[in-house]
Amino acid sequence: MTGTVARPPFDPELQVVLGLIEGQLPVGLTAEMIPFARQAAGADASVDDVLAEAGVT
């Protein structure tokens, strides 16, 4: 018997995050591309810098 099994839905909280970043990452993102994506996203900024920029104290 052949057929396809529906993919289970994401965790509801994760689905919200994925909706926010939709279209910002390439569909075919590979493990090798992650360091470049982090660099492009400014992931080298410290947590304190990111929180301060967001207005979190």
Protein backbone atom coordinates (compact mmCIF):
# COMPACT_ATOMS: atom_id res chain seq x y z
CA MET A 1 0.00 0.00 0.00
CA THR A 2 1.43 3.34 -1.00
CA GLY A 3 0.23 6.74 -0.03
CA THR A 4 1.21 9.89 1.66
CA VAL A 5 0.87 10.72 5.29
CA ALA A 6 -0.07 14.27 6.19
CA ARG A 7 2.65 16.17 7.98
CA PRO A 8 1.63 16.92 11.58
CA PRO A 9 1.14 20.59 12.44
CA PHE A 10 3.85 22.56 14.21
CA ASP A 11 3.57 23.38 17.87
CA PRO A 12 1.13 26.36 18.08
CA GLU A 13 3.76 28.64 19.65
CA LEU A 14 6.32 27.69 17.01
CA GLN A 15 3.74 28.31 14.29
CA VAL A 16 3.48 31.95 15.44
CA VAL A 17 7.25 32.41 15.17
CA LEU A 18 7.37 30.72 11.78
CA GLY A 19 4.64 33.07 10.58
CA LEU A 20 6.73 36.06 11.63
CA ILE A 21 9.80 34.95 9.69
CA GLU A 22 7.95 33.64 6.65
CA GLY A 23 9.61 34.81 3.47
CA GLN A 24 12.79 35.91 5.25
CA LEU A 25 14.66 32.62 4.88
CA PRO A 26 15.27 30.65 1.72
CA VAL A 27 13.07 27.59 1.33
CA GLY A 28 16.05 25.31 0.78
CA LEU A 29 18.04 26.43 3.84
CA THR A 30 20.78 23.92 4.58
CA ALA A 31 22.99 23.41 7.64
CA GLU A 32 25.90 24.91 5.70
CA MET A 33 23.92 28.12 5.09
CA ILE A 34 23.05 28.73 8.77
CA PRO A 35 26.28 30.61 9.68
CA PHE A 36 25.73 32.97 6.74
CA ALA A 37 22.08 33.51 7.70
CA ARG A 38 23.11 34.29 11.27
CA GLN A 39 25.71 36.79 10.08
CA ALA A 40 23.20 38.47 7.75
CA ALA A 41 20.69 38.68 10.60
CA GLY A 42 23.17 40.36 12.90
CA ALA A 43 23.43 37.35 15.18
CA ASP A 44 26.87 38.51 16.24
CA ALA A 45 25.22 41.19 18.39
CA SER A 46 25.14 40.47 22.09
CA VAL A 47 21.91 39.52 23.81
CA ASP A 48 22.11 42.74 25.82
CA ASP A 49 22.36 44.81 22.62
CA VAL A 50 19.37 43.07 21.07
CA LEU A 51 17.26 43.48 24.22
CA ALA A 52 18.23 47.14 24.58
CA GLU A 53 17.32 47.81 20.94
CA ALA A 54 13.94 46.18 21.54
CA GLY A 55 13.36 48.41 24.56
CA VAL A 56 13.65 45.59 27.09
CA THR A 57 15.27 46.52 30.39
